mmCIF file of all heavy atoms, coordinates in Angstrom:
data_MODEL
# 
_entry.id   MODEL 
# 
loop_
_atom_site.group_PDB 
_atom_site.id 
_atom_site.type_symbol 
_atom_site.label_atom_id 
_atom_site.label_alt_id 
_atom_site.label_comp_id 
_atom_site.label_asym_id 
_atom_site.label_entity_id 
_atom_site.label_seq_id 
_atom_site.pdbx_PDB_ins_code 
_atom_site.Cartn_x 
_atom_site.Cartn_y 
_atom_site.Cartn_z 
_atom_site.occupancy 
_atom_site.B_iso_or_equiv 
_atom_site.pdbx_formal_charge 
_atom_site.auth_seq_id 
_atom_site.auth_comp_id 
_atom_site.auth_asym_id 
_atom_site.auth_atom_id 
_atom_site.pdbx_PDB_model_num 
ATOM 1   N N   . THR A 1 1  ? 0.631   -7.173 -11.056 1.00 0.00 ? 1  THR A N   1 
ATOM 2   C CA  . THR A 1 1  ? -0.652  -6.480 -11.094 1.00 0.00 ? 1  THR A CA  1 
ATOM 3   C C   . THR A 1 1  ? -0.968  -6.037 -12.518 1.00 0.00 ? 1  THR A C   1 
ATOM 4   O O   . THR A 1 1  ? -0.103  -6.020 -13.396 1.00 0.00 ? 1  THR A O   1 
ATOM 5   C CB  . THR A 1 1  ? -0.669  -5.226 -10.192 1.00 0.00 ? 1  THR A CB  1 
ATOM 6   O OG1 . THR A 1 1  ? 0.036   -4.155 -10.849 1.00 0.00 ? 1  THR A OG1 1 
ATOM 7   C CG2 . THR A 1 1  ? -0.038  -5.507 -8.843  1.00 0.00 ? 1  THR A CG2 1 
ATOM 8   N N   . GLY A 1 2  ? -2.215  -5.663 -12.709 1.00 0.00 ? 2  GLY A N   1 
ATOM 9   C CA  . GLY A 1 2  ? -2.613  -4.924 -13.886 1.00 0.00 ? 2  GLY A CA  1 
ATOM 10  C C   . GLY A 1 2  ? -2.519  -3.454 -13.555 1.00 0.00 ? 2  GLY A C   1 
ATOM 11  O O   . GLY A 1 2  ? -1.522  -2.978 -13.007 1.00 0.00 ? 2  GLY A O   1 
ATOM 12  N N   . ARG A 1 3  ? -3.608  -2.713 -13.828 1.00 0.00 ? 3  ARG A N   1 
ATOM 13  C CA  . ARG A 1 3  ? -3.567  -1.274 -13.598 1.00 0.00 ? 3  ARG A CA  1 
ATOM 14  C C   . ARG A 1 3  ? -3.811  -0.977 -12.123 1.00 0.00 ? 3  ARG A C   1 
ATOM 15  O O   . ARG A 1 3  ? -4.916  -1.152 -11.611 1.00 0.00 ? 3  ARG A O   1 
ATOM 16  C CB  . ARG A 1 3  ? -4.634  -0.580 -14.459 1.00 0.00 ? 3  ARG A CB  1 
ATOM 17  C CG  . ARG A 1 3  ? -4.380  0.913  -14.737 1.00 0.00 ? 3  ARG A CG  1 
ATOM 18  C CD  . ARG A 1 3  ? -2.969  1.184  -14.984 1.00 0.00 ? 3  ARG A CD  1 
ATOM 19  N NE  . ARG A 1 3  ? -2.660  2.400  -15.709 1.00 0.00 ? 3  ARG A NE  1 
ATOM 20  C CZ  . ARG A 1 3  ? -1.561  3.115  -15.460 1.00 0.00 ? 3  ARG A CZ  1 
ATOM 21  N NH1 . ARG A 1 3  ? -0.730  2.761  -14.504 1.00 0.00 ? 3  ARG A NH1 1 
ATOM 22  N NH2 . ARG A 1 3  ? -1.271  4.169  -16.198 1.00 0.00 ? 3  ARG A NH2 1 
ATOM 23  N N   . VAL A 1 4  ? -2.777  -0.591 -11.445 1.00 0.00 ? 4  VAL A N   1 
ATOM 24  C CA  . VAL A 1 4  ? -2.874  -0.005 -10.112 1.00 0.00 ? 4  VAL A CA  1 
ATOM 25  C C   . VAL A 1 4  ? -2.241  1.375  -10.205 1.00 0.00 ? 4  VAL A C   1 
ATOM 26  O O   . VAL A 1 4  ? -1.534  1.683  -11.169 1.00 0.00 ? 4  VAL A O   1 
ATOM 27  C CB  . VAL A 1 4  ? -2.152  -0.856 -9.048  1.00 0.00 ? 4  VAL A CB  1 
ATOM 28  C CG1 . VAL A 1 4  ? -2.793  -2.239 -8.900  1.00 0.00 ? 4  VAL A CG1 1 
ATOM 29  C CG2 . VAL A 1 4  ? -0.666  -0.992 -9.357  1.00 0.00 ? 4  VAL A CG2 1 
ATOM 30  N N   . THR A 1 5  ? -2.478  2.230  -9.234  1.00 0.00 ? 5  THR A N   1 
ATOM 31  C CA  . THR A 1 5  ? -1.756  3.497  -9.245  1.00 0.00 ? 5  THR A CA  1 
ATOM 32  C C   . THR A 1 5  ? -0.268  3.197  -9.114  1.00 0.00 ? 5  THR A C   1 
ATOM 33  O O   . THR A 1 5  ? 0.139   2.236  -8.458  1.00 0.00 ? 5  THR A O   1 
ATOM 34  C CB  . THR A 1 5  ? -2.202  4.422  -8.106  1.00 0.00 ? 5  THR A CB  1 
ATOM 35  O OG1 . THR A 1 5  ? -1.911  3.806  -6.854  1.00 0.00 ? 5  THR A OG1 1 
ATOM 36  C CG2 . THR A 1 5  ? -3.683  4.732  -8.201  1.00 0.00 ? 5  THR A CG2 1 
ATOM 37  N N   . ASP A 1 6  ? 0.539   4.034  -9.729  1.00 0.00 ? 6  ASP A N   1 
ATOM 38  C CA  . ASP A 1 6  ? 1.982   3.790  -9.704  1.00 0.00 ? 6  ASP A CA  1 
ATOM 39  C C   . ASP A 1 6  ? 2.514   3.697  -8.270  1.00 0.00 ? 6  ASP A C   1 
ATOM 40  O O   . ASP A 1 6  ? 3.348   2.846  -7.964  1.00 0.00 ? 6  ASP A O   1 
ATOM 41  C CB  . ASP A 1 6  ? 2.713   4.903  -10.460 1.00 0.00 ? 6  ASP A CB  1 
ATOM 42  C CG  . ASP A 1 6  ? 2.304   4.989  -11.924 1.00 0.00 ? 6  ASP A CG  1 
ATOM 43  O OD1 . ASP A 1 6  ? 1.703   4.026  -12.431 1.00 0.00 ? 6  ASP A OD1 1 
ATOM 44  O OD2 . ASP A 1 6  ? 2.583   6.028  -12.548 1.00 0.00 ? 6  ASP A OD2 1 
ATOM 45  N N   . ALA A 1 7  ? 2.032   4.570  -7.401  1.00 0.00 ? 7  ALA A N   1 
ATOM 46  C CA  . ALA A 1 7  ? 2.515   4.590  -6.023  1.00 0.00 ? 7  ALA A CA  1 
ATOM 47  C C   . ALA A 1 7  ? 2.126   3.332  -5.259  1.00 0.00 ? 7  ALA A C   1 
ATOM 48  O O   . ALA A 1 7  ? 2.772   2.988  -4.257  1.00 0.00 ? 7  ALA A O   1 
ATOM 49  C CB  . ALA A 1 7  ? 1.991   5.829  -5.298  1.00 0.00 ? 7  ALA A CB  1 
ATOM 50  N N   . SER A 1 8  ? 1.089   2.621  -5.707  1.00 0.00 ? 8  SER A N   1 
ATOM 51  C CA  . SER A 1 8  ? 0.656   1.414  -4.996  1.00 0.00 ? 8  SER A CA  1 
ATOM 52  C C   . SER A 1 8  ? 1.741   0.360  -4.964  1.00 0.00 ? 8  SER A C   1 
ATOM 53  O O   . SER A 1 8  ? 1.756   -0.498 -4.073  1.00 0.00 ? 8  SER A O   1 
ATOM 54  C CB  . SER A 1 8  ? -0.606  0.846  -5.658  1.00 0.00 ? 8  SER A CB  1 
ATOM 55  O OG  . SER A 1 8  ? -1.716  1.692  -5.445  1.00 0.00 ? 8  SER A OG  1 
ATOM 56  N N   . LEU A 1 9  ? 2.674   0.385  -5.915  1.00 0.00 ? 9  LEU A N   1 
ATOM 57  C CA  . LEU A 1 9  ? 3.762   -0.576 -5.923  1.00 0.00 ? 9  LEU A CA  1 
ATOM 58  C C   . LEU A 1 9  ? 4.663   -0.410 -4.706  1.00 0.00 ? 9  LEU A C   1 
ATOM 59  O O   . LEU A 1 9  ? 5.363   -1.360 -4.311  1.00 0.00 ? 9  LEU A O   1 
ATOM 60  C CB  . LEU A 1 9  ? 4.585   -0.430 -7.205  1.00 0.00 ? 9  LEU A CB  1 
ATOM 61  C CG  . LEU A 1 9  ? 3.814   -0.598 -8.525  1.00 0.00 ? 9  LEU A CG  1 
ATOM 62  C CD1 . LEU A 1 9  ? 4.749   -0.367 -9.703  1.00 0.00 ? 9  LEU A CD1 1 
ATOM 63  C CD2 . LEU A 1 9  ? 3.166   -1.968 -8.604  1.00 0.00 ? 9  LEU A CD2 1 
ATOM 64  N N   . VAL A 1 10 ? 4.659   0.772  -4.110  1.00 0.00 ? 10 VAL A N   1 
ATOM 65  C CA  . VAL A 1 10 ? 5.405   1.028  -2.880  1.00 0.00 ? 10 VAL A CA  1 
ATOM 66  C C   . VAL A 1 10 ? 4.501   0.907  -1.656  1.00 0.00 ? 10 VAL A C   1 
ATOM 67  O O   . VAL A 1 10 ? 4.885   0.338  -0.633  1.00 0.00 ? 10 VAL A O   1 
ATOM 68  C CB  . VAL A 1 10 ? 6.064   2.423  -2.932  1.00 0.00 ? 10 VAL A CB  1 
ATOM 69  C CG1 . VAL A 1 10 ? 6.629   2.824  -1.566  1.00 0.00 ? 10 VAL A CG1 1 
ATOM 70  C CG2 . VAL A 1 10 ? 7.159   2.438  -3.986  1.00 0.00 ? 10 VAL A CG2 1 
ATOM 71  N N   . VAL A 1 11 ? 3.290   1.420  -1.758  1.00 0.00 ? 11 VAL A N   1 
ATOM 72  C CA  . VAL A 1 11 ? 2.373   1.406  -0.614  1.00 0.00 ? 11 VAL A CA  1 
ATOM 73  C C   . VAL A 1 11 ? 2.039   -0.029 -0.207  1.00 0.00 ? 11 VAL A C   1 
ATOM 74  O O   . VAL A 1 11 ? 1.997   -0.364 0.985   1.00 0.00 ? 11 VAL A O   1 
ATOM 75  C CB  . VAL A 1 11 ? 1.084   2.185  -0.936  1.00 0.00 ? 11 VAL A CB  1 
ATOM 76  C CG1 . VAL A 1 11 ? 0.124   2.149  0.247   1.00 0.00 ? 11 VAL A CG1 1 
ATOM 77  C CG2 . VAL A 1 11 ? 1.402   3.629  -1.313  1.00 0.00 ? 11 VAL A CG2 1 
ATOM 78  N N   . GLY A 1 12 ? 1.812   -0.914 -1.180  1.00 0.00 ? 12 GLY A N   1 
ATOM 79  C CA  . GLY A 1 12 ? 1.439   -2.287 -0.870  1.00 0.00 ? 12 GLY A CA  1 
ATOM 80  C C   . GLY A 1 12 ? 2.469   -3.016 -0.034  1.00 0.00 ? 12 GLY A C   1 
ATOM 81  O O   . GLY A 1 12 ? 2.139   -3.588 1.024   1.00 0.00 ? 12 GLY A O   1 
ATOM 82  N N   . PRO A 1 13 ? 3.743   -3.042 -0.444  1.00 0.00 ? 13 PRO A N   1 
ATOM 83  C CA  . PRO A 1 13 ? 4.754   -3.693 0.383   1.00 0.00 ? 13 PRO A CA  1 
ATOM 84  C C   . PRO A 1 13 ? 4.888   -3.070 1.775   1.00 0.00 ? 13 PRO A C   1 
ATOM 85  O O   . PRO A 1 13 ? 5.078   -3.786 2.764   1.00 0.00 ? 13 PRO A O   1 
ATOM 86  C CB  . PRO A 1 13 ? 6.037   -3.510 -0.426  1.00 0.00 ? 13 PRO A CB  1 
ATOM 87  C CG  . PRO A 1 13 ? 5.577   -3.420 -1.842  1.00 0.00 ? 13 PRO A CG  1 
ATOM 88  C CD  . PRO A 1 13 ? 4.267   -2.672 -1.777  1.00 0.00 ? 13 PRO A CD  1 
ATOM 89  N N   . ALA A 1 14 ? 4.801   -1.741 1.854   1.00 0.00 ? 14 ALA A N   1 
ATOM 90  C CA  . ALA A 1 14 ? 4.911   -1.096 3.161   1.00 0.00 ? 14 ALA A CA  1 
ATOM 91  C C   . ALA A 1 14 ? 3.733   -1.467 4.051   1.00 0.00 ? 14 ALA A C   1 
ATOM 92  O O   . ALA A 1 14 ? 3.910   -1.752 5.244   1.00 0.00 ? 14 ALA A O   1 
ATOM 93  C CB  . ALA A 1 14 ? 4.997   0.419  2.981   1.00 0.00 ? 14 ALA A CB  1 
ATOM 94  N N   . ALA A 1 15 ? 2.531   -1.477 3.494   1.00 0.00 ? 15 ALA A N   1 
ATOM 95  C CA  . ALA A 1 15 ? 1.348   -1.851 4.283   1.00 0.00 ? 15 ALA A CA  1 
ATOM 96  C C   . ALA A 1 15 ? 1.457   -3.289 4.768   1.00 0.00 ? 15 ALA A C   1 
ATOM 97  O O   . ALA A 1 15 ? 1.101   -3.604 5.918   1.00 0.00 ? 15 ALA A O   1 
ATOM 98  C CB  . ALA A 1 15 ? 0.084   -1.664 3.447   1.00 0.00 ? 15 ALA A CB  1 
ATOM 99  N N   . ALA A 1 16 ? 1.952   -4.188 3.926   1.00 0.00 ? 16 ALA A N   1 
ATOM 100 C CA  . ALA A 1 16 ? 2.116   -5.582 4.333   1.00 0.00 ? 16 ALA A CA  1 
ATOM 101 C C   . ALA A 1 16 ? 3.163   -5.709 5.428   1.00 0.00 ? 16 ALA A C   1 
ATOM 102 O O   . ALA A 1 16 ? 2.973   -6.435 6.417   1.00 0.00 ? 16 ALA A O   1 
ATOM 103 C CB  . ALA A 1 16 ? 2.504   -6.433 3.122   1.00 0.00 ? 16 ALA A CB  1 
ATOM 104 N N   . HIS A 1 17 ? 4.270   -5.017 5.290   1.00 0.00 ? 17 HIS A N   1 
ATOM 105 C CA  . HIS A 1 17 ? 5.388   -5.144 6.226   1.00 0.00 ? 17 HIS A CA  1 
ATOM 106 C C   . HIS A 1 17 ? 5.063   -4.565 7.599   1.00 0.00 ? 17 HIS A C   1 
ATOM 107 O O   . HIS A 1 17 ? 5.391   -5.169 8.626   1.00 0.00 ? 17 HIS A O   1 
ATOM 108 C CB  . HIS A 1 17 ? 6.613   -4.444 5.643   1.00 0.00 ? 17 HIS A CB  1 
ATOM 109 C CG  . HIS A 1 17 ? 7.846   -4.562 6.479   1.00 0.00 ? 17 HIS A CG  1 
ATOM 110 N ND1 . HIS A 1 17 ? 8.588   -5.719 6.533   1.00 0.00 ? 17 HIS A ND1 1 
ATOM 111 C CD2 . HIS A 1 17 ? 8.456   -3.671 7.314   1.00 0.00 ? 17 HIS A CD2 1 
ATOM 112 C CE1 . HIS A 1 17 ? 9.615   -5.542 7.359   1.00 0.00 ? 17 HIS A CE1 1 
ATOM 113 N NE2 . HIS A 1 17 ? 9.564   -4.302 7.837   1.00 0.00 ? 17 HIS A NE2 1 
ATOM 114 N N   . PHE A 1 18 ? 4.419   -3.413 7.595   1.00 0.00 ? 18 PHE A N   1 
ATOM 115 C CA  . PHE A 1 18 ? 4.168   -2.722 8.865   1.00 0.00 ? 18 PHE A CA  1 
ATOM 116 C C   . PHE A 1 18 ? 2.783   -3.002 9.434   1.00 0.00 ? 18 PHE A C   1 
ATOM 117 O O   . PHE A 1 18 ? 2.448   -2.507 10.516  1.00 0.00 ? 18 PHE A O   1 
ATOM 118 C CB  . PHE A 1 18 ? 4.368   -1.215 8.690   1.00 0.00 ? 18 PHE A CB  1 
ATOM 119 C CG  . PHE A 1 18 ? 5.781   -0.825 8.362   1.00 0.00 ? 18 PHE A CG  1 
ATOM 120 C CD1 . PHE A 1 18 ? 6.105   -0.258 7.133   1.00 0.00 ? 18 PHE A CD1 1 
ATOM 121 C CD2 . PHE A 1 18 ? 6.809   -1.040 9.279   1.00 0.00 ? 18 PHE A CD2 1 
ATOM 122 C CE1 . PHE A 1 18 ? 7.413   0.093  6.825   1.00 0.00 ? 18 PHE A CE1 1 
ATOM 123 C CE2 . PHE A 1 18 ? 8.126   -0.679 8.985   1.00 0.00 ? 18 PHE A CE2 1 
ATOM 124 C CZ  . PHE A 1 18 ? 8.424   -0.121 7.752   1.00 0.00 ? 18 PHE A CZ  1 
ATOM 125 N N   . GLY A 1 19 ? 1.973   -3.751 8.705   1.00 0.00 ? 19 GLY A N   1 
ATOM 126 C CA  . GLY A 1 19 ? 0.653   -4.094 9.219   1.00 0.00 ? 19 GLY A CA  1 
ATOM 127 C C   . GLY A 1 19 ? -0.340  -2.954 9.205   1.00 0.00 ? 19 GLY A C   1 
ATOM 128 O O   . GLY A 1 19 ? -1.261  -2.921 10.021  1.00 0.00 ? 19 GLY A O   1 
ATOM 129 N N   . TRP A 1 20 ? -0.186  -2.028 8.256   1.00 0.00 ? 20 TRP A N   1 
ATOM 130 C CA  . TRP A 1 20 ? -1.117  -0.901 8.201   1.00 0.00 ? 20 TRP A CA  1 
ATOM 131 C C   . TRP A 1 20 ? -2.507  -1.389 7.803   1.00 0.00 ? 20 TRP A C   1 
ATOM 132 O O   . TRP A 1 20 ? -2.672  -2.304 6.995   1.00 0.00 ? 20 TRP A O   1 
ATOM 133 C CB  . TRP A 1 20 ? -0.655  0.129  7.170   1.00 0.00 ? 20 TRP A CB  1 
ATOM 134 C CG  . TRP A 1 20 ? 0.654   0.791  7.484   1.00 0.00 ? 20 TRP A CG  1 
ATOM 135 C CD1 . TRP A 1 20 ? 1.256   0.901  8.704   1.00 0.00 ? 20 TRP A CD1 1 
ATOM 136 C CD2 . TRP A 1 20 ? 1.524   1.427  6.541   1.00 0.00 ? 20 TRP A CD2 1 
ATOM 137 N NE1 . TRP A 1 20 ? 2.442   1.576  8.584   1.00 0.00 ? 20 TRP A NE1 1 
ATOM 138 C CE2 . TRP A 1 20 ? 2.639   1.913  7.270   1.00 0.00 ? 20 TRP A CE2 1 
ATOM 139 C CE3 . TRP A 1 20 ? 1.482   1.639  5.172   1.00 0.00 ? 20 TRP A CE3 1 
ATOM 140 C CZ2 . TRP A 1 20 ? 3.688   2.593  6.664   1.00 0.00 ? 20 TRP A CZ2 1 
ATOM 141 C CZ3 . TRP A 1 20 ? 2.525   2.310  4.562   1.00 0.00 ? 20 TRP A CZ3 1 
ATOM 142 C CH2 . TRP A 1 20 ? 3.609   2.795  5.307   1.00 0.00 ? 20 TRP A CH2 1 
ATOM 143 N N   . ALA A 1 21 ? -3.497  -0.727 8.368   1.00 0.00 ? 21 ALA A N   1 
ATOM 144 C CA  . ALA A 1 21 ? -4.889  -0.964 7.985   1.00 0.00 ? 21 ALA A CA  1 
ATOM 145 C C   . ALA A 1 21 ? -5.333  0.130  7.029   1.00 0.00 ? 21 ALA A C   1 
ATOM 146 O O   . ALA A 1 21 ? -4.628  1.127  6.811   1.00 0.00 ? 21 ALA A O   1 
ATOM 147 C CB  . ALA A 1 21 ? -5.772  -0.985 9.223   1.00 0.00 ? 21 ALA A CB  1 
ATOM 148 N N   . GLN A 1 22 ? -6.531  -0.035 6.486   1.00 0.00 ? 22 GLN A N   1 
ATOM 149 C CA  . GLN A 1 22 ? -7.023  0.930  5.506   1.00 0.00 ? 22 GLN A CA  1 
ATOM 150 C C   . GLN A 1 22 ? -7.309  2.302  6.109   1.00 0.00 ? 22 GLN A C   1 
ATOM 151 O O   . GLN A 1 22 ? -7.438  3.276  5.355   1.00 0.00 ? 22 GLN A O   1 
ATOM 152 C CB  . GLN A 1 22 ? -8.266  0.387  4.818   1.00 0.00 ? 22 GLN A CB  1 
ATOM 153 C CG  . GLN A 1 22 ? -7.977  -0.739 3.830   1.00 0.00 ? 22 GLN A CG  1 
ATOM 154 C CD  . GLN A 1 22 ? -9.233  -1.220 3.133   1.00 0.00 ? 22 GLN A CD  1 
ATOM 155 O OE1 . GLN A 1 22 ? -10.213 -1.579 3.782   1.00 0.00 ? 22 GLN A OE1 1 
ATOM 156 N NE2 . GLN A 1 22 ? -9.227  -1.242 1.805   1.00 0.00 ? 22 GLN A NE2 1 
ATOM 157 N N   . ASP A 1 23 ? -7.395  2.398  7.430   1.00 0.00 ? 23 ASP A N   1 
ATOM 158 C CA  . ASP A 1 23 ? -7.641  3.704  8.049   1.00 0.00 ? 23 ASP A CA  1 
ATOM 159 C C   . ASP A 1 23 ? -6.374  4.330  8.627   1.00 0.00 ? 23 ASP A C   1 
ATOM 160 O O   . ASP A 1 23 ? -6.445  5.341  9.326   1.00 0.00 ? 23 ASP A O   1 
ATOM 161 C CB  . ASP A 1 23 ? -8.720  3.591  9.129   1.00 0.00 ? 23 ASP A CB  1 
ATOM 162 C CG  . ASP A 1 23 ? -8.359  2.610  10.238  1.00 0.00 ? 23 ASP A CG  1 
ATOM 163 O OD1 . ASP A 1 23 ? -7.299  1.955  10.143  1.00 0.00 ? 23 ASP A OD1 1 
ATOM 164 O OD2 . ASP A 1 23 ? -9.151  2.487  11.201  1.00 0.00 ? 23 ASP A OD2 1 
ATOM 165 N N   . ASP A 1 24 ? -5.199  3.777  8.332   1.00 0.00 ? 24 ASP A N   1 
ATOM 166 C CA  . ASP A 1 24 ? -3.935  4.399  8.743   1.00 0.00 ? 24 ASP A CA  1 
ATOM 167 C C   . ASP A 1 24 ? -3.556  5.448  7.698   1.00 0.00 ? 24 ASP A C   1 
ATOM 168 O O   . ASP A 1 24 ? -2.591  5.302  6.932   1.00 0.00 ? 24 ASP A O   1 
ATOM 169 C CB  . ASP A 1 24 ? -2.834  3.347  8.885   1.00 0.00 ? 24 ASP A CB  1 
ATOM 170 C CG  . ASP A 1 24 ? -3.015  2.463  10.095  1.00 0.00 ? 24 ASP A CG  1 
ATOM 171 O OD1 . ASP A 1 24 ? -3.404  3.002  11.157  1.00 0.00 ? 24 ASP A OD1 1 
ATOM 172 O OD2 . ASP A 1 24 ? -2.782  1.242  9.991   1.00 0.00 ? 24 ASP A OD2 1 
ATOM 173 N N   . LEU A 1 25 ? -4.327  6.520  7.670   1.00 0.00 ? 25 LEU A N   1 
ATOM 174 C CA  . LEU A 1 25 ? -4.271  7.448  6.541   1.00 0.00 ? 25 LEU A CA  1 
ATOM 175 C C   . LEU A 1 25 ? -2.951  8.188  6.426   1.00 0.00 ? 25 LEU A C   1 
ATOM 176 O O   . LEU A 1 25 ? -2.428  8.373  5.313   1.00 0.00 ? 25 LEU A O   1 
ATOM 177 C CB  . LEU A 1 25 ? -5.436  8.441  6.629   1.00 0.00 ? 25 LEU A CB  1 
ATOM 178 C CG  . LEU A 1 25 ? -6.835  7.822  6.564   1.00 0.00 ? 25 LEU A CG  1 
ATOM 179 C CD1 . LEU A 1 25 ? -7.901  8.912  6.647   1.00 0.00 ? 25 LEU A CD1 1 
ATOM 180 C CD2 . LEU A 1 25 ? -7.005  7.002  5.292   1.00 0.00 ? 25 LEU A CD2 1 
ATOM 181 N N   . ASP A 1 26 ? -2.378  8.633  7.547   1.00 0.00 ? 26 ASP A N   1 
ATOM 182 C CA  . ASP A 1 26 ? -1.131  9.386  7.451   1.00 0.00 ? 26 ASP A CA  1 
ATOM 183 C C   . ASP A 1 26 ? 0.014   8.498  6.964   1.00 0.00 ? 26 ASP A C   1 
ATOM 184 O O   . ASP A 1 26 ? 0.826   8.911  6.125   1.00 0.00 ? 26 ASP A O   1 
ATOM 185 C CB  . ASP A 1 26 ? -0.777  10.012 8.794   1.00 0.00 ? 26 ASP A CB  1 
ATOM 186 C CG  . ASP A 1 26 ? -1.700  11.160 9.169   1.00 0.00 ? 26 ASP A CG  1 
ATOM 187 O OD1 . ASP A 1 26 ? -2.451  11.636 8.294   1.00 0.00 ? 26 ASP A OD1 1 
ATOM 188 O OD2 . ASP A 1 26 ? -1.669  11.584 10.343  1.00 0.00 ? 26 ASP A OD2 1 
# 
């Protein structure tokens, strides 16, 4: 990636693995 938030490097893999949608806010 280029500039993403630092935490996105963790959130992205977790969202892909668990199938989270953009409204799975918690």
